[in-house]
């Protein structure tokens, strides 16, 4: 099978930092190629060069053996290469067909300044039918599930007749059932002759769907293997450079003398448009316990975390911490009580891109005598503290004195986790703590969370990774449309049962069991 897309010594530098170092990459026509590696390994940078978003510093790209040069994604699409980014680029108020044809509208022959909606709908129906998707062309995107929205992103590229699809972390926001369906769809696309490149951290999916795997580390290719000749453990060891525990060891210890640390009762709030986004949510967390929140993104988890971390105000209900009502307290007041916060959006809520690594490493602790013993910042103490976090959490940086903007998303996440855990809080609110984090760091973060719980700390864990919630949490509440639709014992349930709750199915009762 001939090479469909390949590179020769492809290199990308940002100043003195080399993100990709002489990458020799190849994907065969009609295969599914997985690319794995730690954060900052250069996977997305490579794909952005192939898609025309970045210009290589040196090296060459070949399409069907012919040297090509793309100045923009438009050039890449014109040559049959499409990319679906991790964060969708859809217009919620537009219909399915309007999103698919956005930028490629069909003009009305009689009235050139109008689009031919009838023809657009018909072509989209034919496209949807061809690839076996279940979508209504007239439905507004805002009303669709995340899995359905992803199908639209793929259909946008297929409408433009691309032969190569690049998918960046495509299953990060899907339910288990949607993931299974998505992997089946990938195999169907392959059967129709499409060539697929998939970037993912989920090794189970790699083993399930790919034909071959390329492993990257620190901007270089360290391995190319056929999928049927390797294993999850071997891939993880190649990525990290050591043996990795793929499943966290969690004994779910029963701790005597537990007391309620956090009690949430009837918490409710509305968004800016007046829509109820958190609806009468109640739960409690005890000392020495991890309480997990599962659910498809967009069902109120983000707003719940913002309510508990001082970034939104509730309209009703209460939050009590160690017997004290802290409803609608400011973030600084919550931190002073011993609450650590790992926000969902690391750059918008957790870090300041324009500030240095050192400054971000002490955010939320600037008044601490550890860093300003005499009322004046101690540069040495702050630098030593920042270096400790970098070393312990293996945060990959280009310049110690540079700004946080230099970090990849995963390394930025590590900095937040390290900063919050260093403060030894009583309660840790962790929202998507391992999103975009490589497999070695995930193992480390999971261990830190469990150790924190075992020492008597309380954890609220909100994650779209169902396997993460079920393996770490002692109890799990499932959110759907702003409320908790059910609560389960992770040791007495399955991903399938929780997935049904995430999709809005009624919780199982003794009468229906």
Protein backbone atom coordinates (compact mmCIF):
# COMPACT_ATOMS: atom_id res chain seq x y z
CA UNK A 1 0.00 0.00 0.00
CA UNK A 2 1.61 3.27 -1.12
CA UNK A 3 2.24 6.29 1.11
CA UNK A 4 -0.62 8.78 0.95
CA UNK A 5 0.98 11.53 3.01
CA UNK A 6 4.55 11.75 4.28
CA UNK A 7 7.17 14.16 5.56
CA UNK A 8 10.94 14.38 5.19
CA UNK A 9 12.96 15.87 8.07
CA UNK A 10 10.06 18.21 8.90
CA UNK A 11 11.16 20.71 11.55
CA UNK A 12 9.38 23.52 13.36
CA UNK A 13 11.11 25.97 15.66
CA UNK A 14 9.67 28.75 17.80
CA UNK A 15 12.69 30.90 18.53
CA UNK A 16 15.21 28.65 20.27
CA UNK A 17 12.59 26.02 21.05
CA UNK A 18 12.32 23.07 18.66
CA UNK A 19 8.76 21.71 18.68
CA UNK A 20 9.34 19.22 15.83
CA UNK A 21 12.82 17.92 15.08
CA UNK A 22 13.34 16.28 11.66
CA UNK A 23 10.07 14.35 11.65
CA UNK A 24 9.82 11.52 9.14
CA UNK A 25 6.17 10.56 9.07
CA UNK A 26 4.14 8.42 6.72
CA UNK A 27 0.54 7.25 6.47
CA UNK A 28 -0.56 4.67 3.92
CA UNK A 29 -3.57 5.18 1.72
CA UNK A 30 -6.73 3.80 3.32
CA UNK A 31 -5.27 3.21 6.80
CA UNK A 32 -5.99 4.62 10.24
CA UNK A 33 -2.80 6.01 11.75
CA UNK A 34 -2.66 6.87 15.45
CA UNK A 35 -0.20 9.40 16.85
CA UNK A 36 0.50 9.23 20.58
CA UNK A 37 2.94 10.92 22.92
CA UNK A 38 3.30 12.98 26.07
CA UNK A 39 2.20 16.59 26.30
CA UNK A 40 4.58 18.86 24.45
CA UNK A 41 5.74 15.96 22.27
CA UNK A 42 4.85 17.96 19.15
CA UNK A 43 1.85 15.97 17.86
CA UNK A 44 -0.50 18.89 17.26
CA UNK A 45 2.31 21.04 15.87
CA UNK A 46 3.01 18.36 13.27
CA UNK A 47 -0.65 18.12 12.31
CA UNK A 48 -0.97 21.90 12.07
CA UNK A 49 1.89 21.92 9.55
CA UNK A 50 0.20 19.19 7.52
CA UNK A 51 -3.03 21.20 7.59
CA UNK A 52 -1.46 24.51 6.61
CA UNK A 53 -1.98 26.24 9.97
CA UNK A 54 1.79 26.45 10.55
CA UNK A 55 4.67 26.85 8.15
CA UNK A 56 7.61 24.44 8.59
CA UNK A 57 11.01 25.88 9.49
CA UNK A 58 12.62 23.26 7.27
CA UNK A 59 11.87 19.90 5.70
CA UNK A 60 9.20 18.87 3.21
CA UNK A 61 5.67 17.45 2.95
CA UNK A 62 4.73 14.97 0.25
CA UNK A 63 1.21 14.10 -0.92
CA UNK A 64 1.05 10.92 -3.03
CA UNK A 65 4.79 11.28 -3.54
CA UNK A 66 4.58 14.87 -4.80
CA UNK A 67 6.14 17.74 -2.87
CA UNK A 68 3.47 20.16 -1.62
CA UNK A 69 3.43 23.42 0.32
CA UNK A 70 0.31 24.72 2.07
CA UNK A 71 -0.05 28.39 2.99
CA UNK A 72 -3.38 27.93 4.76
CA UNK A 73 -5.99 25.30 5.68
CA UNK A 74 -7.82 26.29 2.50
CA UNK A 75 -4.83 25.01 0.49
CA UNK A 76 -4.82 21.77 2.48
CA UNK A 77 -8.55 21.20 1.94
CA UNK A 78 -8.13 21.91 -1.78
CA UNK A 79 -5.56 19.12 -1.81
CA UNK A 80 -7.85 16.70 0.03
CA UNK A 81 -6.68 17.13 3.65
CA UNK A 82 -9.23 18.03 6.33
CA UNK A 83 -8.84 18.46 10.09
CA UNK A 84 -11.38 18.22 12.92
CA UNK A 85 -10.09 20.11 15.94
CA UNK A 86 -10.68 19.07 19.55
CA UNK A 87 -12.87 22.13 20.12
CA UNK A 88 -15.60 22.25 17.50
CA UNK A 89 -16.00 25.22 15.16
CA UNK A 90 -19.76 25.28 14.73
CA UNK A 91 -22.39 28.02 14.86
CA UNK A 92 -24.97 26.89 17.47
CA UNK A 93 -27.79 29.03 16.05
CA UNK A 94 -27.32 27.59 12.53
CA UNK A 95 -28.95 24.40 11.30
CA UNK A 96 -27.08 21.20 10.46
CA UNK A 97 -27.00 21.91 6.73
CA UNK A 98 -25.96 25.54 7.24
CA UNK A 99 -22.97 24.44 9.33
CA UNK A 100 -21.91 21.75 6.86
CA UNK A 101 -21.90 24.22 3.96
CA UNK A 102 -20.58 27.23 5.88
CA UNK A 103 -18.09 28.92 3.56
CA UNK A 104 -19.11 26.70 0.63
CA UNK A 105 -22.70 27.81 0.11
CA UNK A 106 -24.57 26.96 -3.09
CA UNK A 107 -25.62 30.14 -4.89
CA UNK A 108 -29.12 30.59 -6.31
CA UNK A 109 -28.72 30.70 -10.10
CA UNK A 110 -31.56 33.17 -10.57
CA UNK A 111 -30.68 35.47 -7.66
CA UNK A 112 -26.86 35.30 -7.23
CA UNK A 113 -26.78 37.08 -3.86
CA UNK A 114 -29.01 34.39 -2.27
CA UNK A 115 -28.21 30.80 -1.41
CA UNK A 116 -30.13 27.85 -2.81
CA UNK A 117 -31.38 26.37 0.46
CA UNK A 118 -33.36 23.61 -1.22
CA UNK A 119 -30.29 22.33 -3.08
CA UNK A 120 -28.11 22.68 0.02
CA UNK A 121 -30.50 20.57 2.10
CA UNK A 122 -30.72 17.90 -0.59
CA UNK A 123 -26.95 17.58 -0.92
CA UNK A 124 -26.56 17.37 2.85
CA UNK A 125 -29.25 14.67 3.06
CA UNK A 126 -27.41 12.65 0.41
CA UNK A 127 -24.11 13.11 2.25
CA UNK A 128 -25.62 12.06 5.60
CA UNK A 129 -27.24 9.02 4.00
CA UNK A 130 -24.01 8.05 2.23
CA UNK A 131 -22.07 7.87 5.50
CA UNK A 132 -24.89 6.38 7.56
CA UNK A 133 -25.33 9.22 10.04
CA UNK A 134 -28.64 9.90 11.75
CA UNK A 135 -29.08 13.67 11.49
CA UNK A 136 -31.90 16.06 10.57
CA UNK A 137 -30.55 18.73 8.22
CA UNK A 138 -32.99 21.31 9.62
CA UNK A 139 -32.16 20.81 13.31
CA UNK A 140 -30.34 23.63 15.08
CA UNK A 141 -26.85 22.63 16.25
CA UNK A 142 -27.58 24.06 19.72
CA UNK A 143 -30.14 21.26 20.20
CA UNK A 144 -27.75 18.43 19.33
CA UNK A 145 -25.61 16.24 21.56
CA UNK A 146 -21.84 16.60 21.52
CA UNK A 147 -21.55 13.34 19.57
CA UNK A 148 -23.92 14.63 16.90
CA UNK A 149 -21.99 17.89 16.68
CA UNK A 150 -18.82 15.93 16.06
CA UNK A 151 -20.52 14.15 13.16
CA UNK A 152 -21.25 17.55 11.63
CA UNK A 153 -17.58 18.53 11.90
CA UNK A 154 -16.62 15.35 10.05
CA UNK A 155 -19.36 15.88 7.45
CA UNK A 156 -18.03 19.40 6.83
CA UNK A 157 -14.76 17.87 5.71
CA UNK A 158 -16.38 15.00 3.78
CA UNK A 159 -18.56 17.49 1.87
CA UNK A 160 -15.36 19.16 0.72
CA UNK A 161 -14.31 15.76 -0.61
CA UNK A 162 -11.18 15.31 1.50
CA UNK A 163 -9.34 11.99 1.25
CA UNK A 164 -7.36 12.46 4.48
CA UNK A 165 -9.03 13.23 7.82
CA UNK A 166 -6.96 14.48 10.78
CA UNK A 167 -8.76 14.11 14.12
CA UNK A 168 -7.39 15.79 17.27
CA UNK A 169 -8.57 14.09 20.51
CA UNK A 170 -11.92 13.22 18.90
CA UNK A 171 -13.47 11.29 21.81
CA UNK A 172 -12.64 13.59 24.71
CA UNK A 173 -16.23 14.82 25.13
CA UNK A 174 -18.24 11.72 24.21
CA UNK A 175 -20.22 9.25 26.32
CA UNK A 176 -19.04 5.61 26.29
CA UNK A 177 -21.83 4.71 23.87
CA UNK A 178 -20.92 7.62 21.59
CA UNK A 179 -17.26 6.55 21.66
CA UNK A 180 -18.18 3.03 20.55
CA UNK A 181 -20.34 4.42 17.75
CA UNK A 182 -17.61 6.86 16.71
CA UNK A 183 -15.00 4.11 16.42
CA UNK A 184 -17.39 2.10 14.26
CA UNK A 185 -17.88 5.15 12.04
CA UNK A 186 -14.11 5.53 11.64
CA UNK A 187 -13.87 1.95 10.41
CA UNK A 188 -16.69 2.63 7.94
CA UNK A 189 -14.86 5.71 6.65
CA UNK A 190 -11.76 3.60 6.19
CA UNK A 191 -13.81 1.02 4.27
CA UNK A 192 -14.92 3.82 1.92
CA UNK A 193 -11.26 4.57 1.16
CA UNK A 194 -10.58 7.45 3.53
CA UNK A 195 -7.17 7.82 5.15
CA UNK A 196 -7.41 8.82 8.82
CA UNK A 197 -4.87 10.28 11.25
CA UNK A 198 -5.98 10.32 14.88
CA UNK A 199 -4.26 12.04 17.81
CA UNK A 200 -5.36 10.58 21.12
CA UNK A 201 -4.23 9.76 24.66
CA UNK A 202 -6.63 6.83 24.92
CA UNK A 203 -4.64 3.71 24.21
CA UNK A 204 -7.68 1.42 24.27
CA UNK A 205 -9.05 3.31 21.28
CA UNK A 206 -5.67 3.15 19.57
CA UNK A 207 -5.62 -0.62 19.88
CA UNK A 208 -9.25 -0.89 18.77
CA UNK A 209 -9.28 1.24 15.66
CA UNK A 210 -5.79 1.94 14.28
CA UNK A 211 -3.64 0.03 11.80
CA UNK A 212 -0.34 1.56 12.88
CA UNK A 213 0.96 3.88 15.59
CA UNK A 214 3.64 6.57 15.64
CA UNK A 215 5.04 7.50 19.06
CA UNK A 216 6.50 10.97 19.62
CA UNK A 217 8.59 12.27 22.50
CA UNK A 218 10.09 15.74 22.94
CA UNK A 219 9.54 16.70 19.33
CA UNK A 220 10.98 13.55 17.82
CA UNK A 221 9.67 10.25 16.49
CA UNK A 222 10.84 7.45 18.78
CA UNK A 223 8.84 4.61 17.30
CA UNK A 224 6.61 3.35 14.50
CA UNK A 225 4.77 0.09 15.08
CA UNK A 226 1.96 -1.94 13.56
CA UNK A 227 -0.93 -2.01 16.01
CA UNK A 228 -1.33 -5.78 15.92
CA UNK A 229 2.32 -6.16 16.93
CA UNK A 230 2.17 -4.04 20.11
CA UNK A 231 0.11 -3.54 23.29
CA UNK A 232 -1.18 -0.72 25.48
CA UNK A 233 1.58 -1.36 28.02
CA UNK A 234 4.33 -1.23 25.37
CA UNK A 235 2.96 1.98 23.86
CA UNK A 236 2.74 3.59 27.30
CA UNK A 237 6.32 2.61 28.08
CA UNK A 238 7.51 4.04 24.75
CA UNK A 239 5.68 7.32 25.43
CA UNK A 240 6.91 7.80 28.98
CA UNK A 241 10.19 5.90 29.00
CA UNK A 242 9.21 3.63 31.90
CA UNK A 243 6.54 1.15 32.89
CA UNK A 244 3.21 2.83 33.58
CA UNK A 245 0.22 1.64 35.61
CA UNK A 246 -2.65 1.96 33.14
CA UNK A 247 -5.25 1.39 35.87
CA UNK A 248 -4.99 3.31 39.10
CA UNK A 249 -4.67 1.18 42.24
CA UNK A 250 -7.52 2.34 44.43
CA UNK A 251 -8.57 0.32 47.48
CA UNK A 252 -11.64 2.50 48.23
CA UNK A 253 -10.73 2.29 51.90
CA UNK A 254 -13.50 2.61 54.45
CA UNK A 255 -12.39 5.29 56.91
CA UNK A 256 -13.82 5.28 60.43
CA UNK A 257 -14.96 8.52 61.98
CA UNK A 258 -15.70 10.33 58.73
CA UNK A 259 -17.40 13.69 59.05
CA UNK A 260 -19.22 15.73 56.42
CA UNK A 261 -16.86 18.36 55.06
CA UNK A 262 -19.00 19.81 52.25
CA UNK A 263 -22.81 19.82 52.14
CA UNK A 264 -24.55 21.12 49.01
CA UNK A 265 -28.31 21.49 49.33
CA UNK A 266 -30.74 22.49 46.56
CA UNK A 267 -28.14 24.54 44.67
CA UNK A 268 -29.67 26.32 41.69
CA UNK A 269 -28.60 29.04 39.28
CA UNK A 270 -29.40 30.54 35.88
CA UNK A 271 -27.16 31.63 33.04
CA UNK A 272 -27.06 35.14 31.54
CA UNK A 273 -30.07 34.31 29.34
CA UNK A 274 -32.14 33.28 32.35
CA UNK A 275 -31.97 29.54 31.62
CA UNK A 276 -31.64 27.25 34.63
CA UNK A 277 -28.26 25.53 34.22
CA UNK A 278 -27.90 24.05 37.73
CA UNK A 279 -31.19 22.72 39.04
CA UNK A 280 -31.72 21.78 42.70
CA UNK A 281 -28.41 19.93 43.10
CA UNK A 282 -27.78 18.25 46.45
CA UNK A 283 -24.91 16.04 47.63
CA UNK A 284 -22.34 15.85 50.40
CA UNK A 285 -18.66 14.92 50.64
CA UNK A 286 -17.09 13.43 53.74
CA UNK A 287 -13.51 13.60 54.95
CA UNK A 288 -11.41 10.90 53.31
CA UNK A 289 -13.76 10.62 50.34
CA UNK A 290 -13.72 11.33 46.61
CA UNK A 291 -17.13 12.31 45.24
CA UNK A 292 -17.27 12.11 41.47
CA UNK A 293 -19.51 13.98 39.06
CA UNK A 294 -20.04 12.27 35.69
CA UNK A 295 -21.97 13.50 32.70
CA UNK A 296 -21.73 14.61 29.10
CA UNK A 297 -20.26 18.09 28.91
CA UNK A 298 -22.84 20.85 28.85
CA UNK A 299 -25.17 19.37 31.49
CA UNK A 300 -24.34 21.81 34.27
CA UNK A 301 -21.04 20.43 35.56
CA UNK A 302 -19.09 23.55 34.60
CA UNK A 303 -21.61 25.85 36.24
CA UNK A 304 -21.71 23.69 39.39
CA UNK A 305 -17.94 23.99 39.76
CA UNK A 306 -18.13 27.75 39.21
CA UNK A 307 -20.78 28.01 41.93
CA UNK A 308 -18.60 26.10 44.38
CA UNK A 309 -15.43 28.01 43.50
CA UNK A 310 -16.79 31.56 43.67
CA UNK A 311 -17.08 32.29 39.96
CA UNK A 312 -20.90 32.24 39.75
CA UNK A 313 -23.68 33.11 42.19
CA UNK A 314 -26.53 30.80 43.07
CA UNK A 315 -30.17 31.88 42.94
CA UNK A 316 -31.18 29.44 45.68
CA UNK A 317 -29.78 26.64 47.79
CA UNK A 318 -26.80 26.54 50.12
CA UNK A 319 -23.18 25.39 50.37
CA UNK A 320 -21.86 24.52 53.83
CA UNK A 321 -18.16 23.81 54.46
CA UNK A 322 -17.10 22.41 57.84
CA UNK A 323 -20.38 23.62 59.32
CA UNK A 324 -20.07 27.17 57.98
CA UNK A 325 -22.30 28.58 55.24
CA UNK A 326 -20.02 29.66 52.38
CA UNK A 327 -22.71 30.17 49.74
CA UNK A 328 -21.58 32.71 47.12
CA UNK A 329 -18.25 33.43 48.83
CA UNK A 330 -15.43 35.01 46.83
CA UNK A 331 -12.58 32.84 45.54
CA UNK A 332 -9.98 34.32 47.92
CA UNK A 333 -12.23 33.66 50.90
CA UNK A 334 -12.73 30.05 49.80
CA UNK A 335 -8.99 29.53 49.43
CA UNK A 336 -8.36 30.99 52.88
CA UNK A 337 -10.71 28.34 54.31
CA UNK A 338 -8.61 25.56 52.78
CA UNK A 339 -10.28 24.89 49.42
CA UNK A 340 -8.06 24.13 46.44
CA UNK A 341 -9.45 24.74 42.96
CA UNK A 342 -8.51 23.16 39.64
CA UNK A 343 -10.74 25.00 37.14
CA UNK A 344 -12.06 23.54 33.90
CA UNK A 345 -10.54 26.19 31.62
CA UNK A 346 -6.87 26.31 32.56
CA UNK A 347 -5.98 29.48 30.65
CA UNK A 348 -9.17 31.47 31.22
CA UNK A 349 -9.57 30.66 34.93
CA UNK A 350 -6.41 28.97 36.21
CA UNK A 351 -3.44 30.82 34.75
CA UNK A 352 -2.43 34.16 33.31
CA UNK A 353 -0.72 33.66 29.95
CA UNK A 354 1.04 37.01 30.09
CA UNK A 355 2.69 36.26 33.44
CA UNK A 356 5.78 34.18 34.16
CA UNK A 357 5.87 30.59 35.30
CA UNK A 358 7.07 31.73 38.73
CA UNK A 359 4.26 34.25 39.13
CA UNK A 360 1.65 31.67 38.16
CA UNK A 361 3.16 29.11 40.53
CA UNK A 362 2.19 31.25 43.55
CA UNK A 363 -1.17 32.52 42.26
CA UNK A 364 -3.65 32.45 45.13
CA UNK A 365 -0.82 32.46 47.67
CA UNK A 366 0.78 35.86 47.11
CA UNK A 367 0.11 36.89 50.71
CA UNK A 368 1.77 33.77 52.11
CA UNK A 369 4.79 34.33 54.36
CA UNK A 370 6.43 31.43 52.53
CA UNK A 371 6.98 33.79 49.59
CA UNK A 372 6.99 37.20 51.29
CA UNK A 373 8.41 36.61 54.80
CA UNK A 374 8.85 40.33 55.54
CA UNK A 375 6.05 41.70 53.40
CA UNK A 376 8.27 41.74 50.31
CA UNK A 377 8.45 38.98 47.72
CA UNK A 378 11.47 36.73 48.03
CA UNK A 379 12.55 36.09 44.44
CA UNK A 380 14.73 33.17 45.49
CA UNK A 381 11.96 31.43 47.41
CA UNK A 382 9.49 31.88 44.56
CA UNK A 383 11.98 30.59 41.98
CA UNK A 384 12.89 27.61 44.16
CA UNK A 385 9.20 26.86 44.67
CA UNK A 386 8.48 27.03 40.93
CA UNK A 387 11.45 24.77 40.14
CA UNK A 388 10.20 22.23 42.69
CA UNK A 389 6.80 22.08 41.00
CA UNK A 390 8.42 21.71 37.58
CA UNK A 391 10.67 18.89 38.76
CA UNK A 392 8.06 16.94 40.73
CA UNK A 393 5.39 17.12 38.02
CA UNK A 394 7.76 16.82 35.06
CA UNK A 395 6.49 20.03 33.49
CA UNK A 396 8.19 20.53 30.13
CA UNK A 397 9.24 24.14 29.58
CA UNK A 398 11.21 26.04 26.96
CA UNK A 399 12.33 28.93 29.19
CA UNK A 400 12.17 29.01 32.99
CA UNK A 401 11.85 32.81 32.90
CA UNK A 402 9.28 32.76 30.11
CA UNK A 403 5.53 33.25 30.32
CA UNK A 404 2.94 30.52 30.81
CA UNK A 405 1.87 31.02 27.17
CA UNK A 406 4.94 28.97 26.18
CA UNK A 407 3.44 25.83 27.74
CA UNK A 408 1.37 23.25 25.93
CA UNK A 409 -2.13 22.74 27.30
CA UNK A 410 -1.14 19.58 29.14
CA UNK A 411 1.91 21.14 30.78
CA UNK A 412 -0.14 24.16 31.80
CA UNK A 413 -2.57 21.74 33.47
CA UNK A 414 0.29 20.11 35.36
CA UNK A 415 1.34 23.50 36.72
CA UNK A 416 -2.16 24.14 38.10
CA UNK A 417 -2.38 20.68 39.68
CA UNK A 418 1.06 21.07 41.22
CA UNK A 419 0.27 24.54 42.59
CA UNK A 420 -3.02 23.50 44.20
CA UNK A 421 -1.74 20.26 45.72
CA UNK A 422 1.30 22.03 47.18
CA UNK A 423 -1.02 24.11 49.38
CA UNK A 424 -2.34 20.95 51.12
CA UNK A 425 -6.00 22.01 51.04
CA UNK A 426 -8.76 20.38 53.09
CA UNK A 427 -11.08 20.14 50.07
CA UNK A 428 -9.91 19.86 46.47
CA UNK A 429 -12.35 20.83 43.73
CA UNK A 430 -10.85 19.21 40.63
CA UNK A 431 -12.59 19.86 37.32
CA UNK A 432 -11.16 17.86 34.40
CA UNK A 433 -7.81 17.41 36.26
CA UNK A 434 -6.22 15.24 33.56
CA UNK A 435 -7.71 16.77 30.41
CA UNK A 436 -5.04 16.93 27.74
CA UNK A 437 -2.48 15.37 30.07
CA UNK A 438 -0.23 12.53 28.92
CA UNK A 439 -0.51 9.03 30.29
CA UNK A 440 2.53 9.24 32.60
CA UNK A 441 1.29 12.43 34.23
CA UNK A 442 -2.24 11.01 34.52
CA UNK A 443 -0.87 8.14 36.60
CA UNK A 444 0.98 10.62 38.82
CA UNK A 445 -2.02 12.95 39.25
CA UNK A 446 -4.33 10.03 40.07
CA UNK A 447 -1.88 8.84 42.72
CA UNK A 448 -1.73 12.33 44.23
CA UNK A 449 -5.52 12.57 44.44
CA UNK A 450 -5.85 9.16 46.08
CA UNK A 451 -3.03 9.88 48.56
CA UNK A 452 -4.70 13.20 49.41
CA UNK A 453 -7.98 11.38 50.12
CA UNK A 454 -6.27 8.67 52.16
CA UNK A 455 -4.79 11.35 54.41
CA UNK A 456 -8.28 12.61 55.20
CA UNK A 457 -8.79 15.16 52.45
CA UNK A 458 -12.08 15.52 50.59
CA UNK A 459 -12.24 15.70 46.79
CA UNK A 460 -14.92 16.79 44.36
CA UNK A 461 -13.87 15.22 41.06
CA UNK A 462 -15.62 16.40 37.90
CA UNK A 463 -14.47 14.66 34.74
CA UNK A 464 -15.76 13.81 31.27
CA UNK A 465 -13.54 10.70 31.42
CA UNK A 466 -15.96 8.14 32.78
CA UNK A 467 -13.24 5.57 33.43
CA UNK A 468 -11.41 8.16 35.53
CA UNK A 469 -14.46 8.94 37.66
CA UNK A 470 -15.35 5.28 38.21
CA UNK A 471 -11.79 4.27 39.14
CA UNK A 472 -11.11 7.17 41.52
CA UNK A 473 -14.41 8.09 43.15
CA UNK A 474 -16.00 6.46 46.19
CA UNK A 475 -19.45 7.69 45.12
CA UNK A 476 -20.57 9.13 41.78
CA UNK A 477 -23.41 11.53 40.98
CA UNK A 478 -24.48 11.67 37.33
CA UNK A 479 -25.60 15.04 35.98
CA UNK A 480 -28.14 15.50 33.22
CA UNK A 481 -29.74 18.80 32.17
CA UNK A 482 -28.52 20.63 35.25
CA UNK A 483 -29.58 18.13 37.89
CA UNK A 484 -28.24 14.94 39.42
CA UNK A 485 -30.27 12.20 37.74
CA UNK A 486 -28.80 9.43 39.87
CA UNK A 487 -26.03 8.42 42.26
CA UNK A 488 -24.09 5.15 41.94
CA UNK A 489 -21.48 3.09 43.74
CA UNK A 490 -18.53 2.73 41.29
CA UNK A 491 -17.84 -0.77 42.60
CA UNK A 492 -21.41 -1.90 41.94
CA UNK A 493 -22.04 -0.42 38.49
CA UNK A 494 -20.74 -0.53 34.91
CA UNK A 495 -19.75 2.08 32.33
CA UNK A 496 -22.79 1.05 30.28
CA UNK A 497 -25.21 1.75 33.14
CA UNK A 498 -23.60 5.11 33.92
CA UNK A 499 -23.53 5.94 30.20
CA UNK A 500 -27.30 5.46 30.05
CA UNK A 501 -27.74 7.84 32.98
CA UNK A 502 -25.51 10.35 31.20
CA UNK A 503 -27.85 10.11 28.20
CA UNK A 504 -30.88 10.83 30.40
CA UNK A 505 -32.20 7.32 31.03
CA UNK A 506 -34.08 6.96 34.31
CA UNK A 507 -32.02 5.46 37.13
CA UNK A 508 -32.54 1.80 37.85
CA UNK A 509 -34.68 0.97 40.88
CA UNK A 510 -35.35 -2.25 42.74
CA UNK A 511 -38.67 -2.51 40.86
CA UNK A 512 -37.00 -2.27 37.44
CA UNK A 513 -33.76 -4.11 38.20
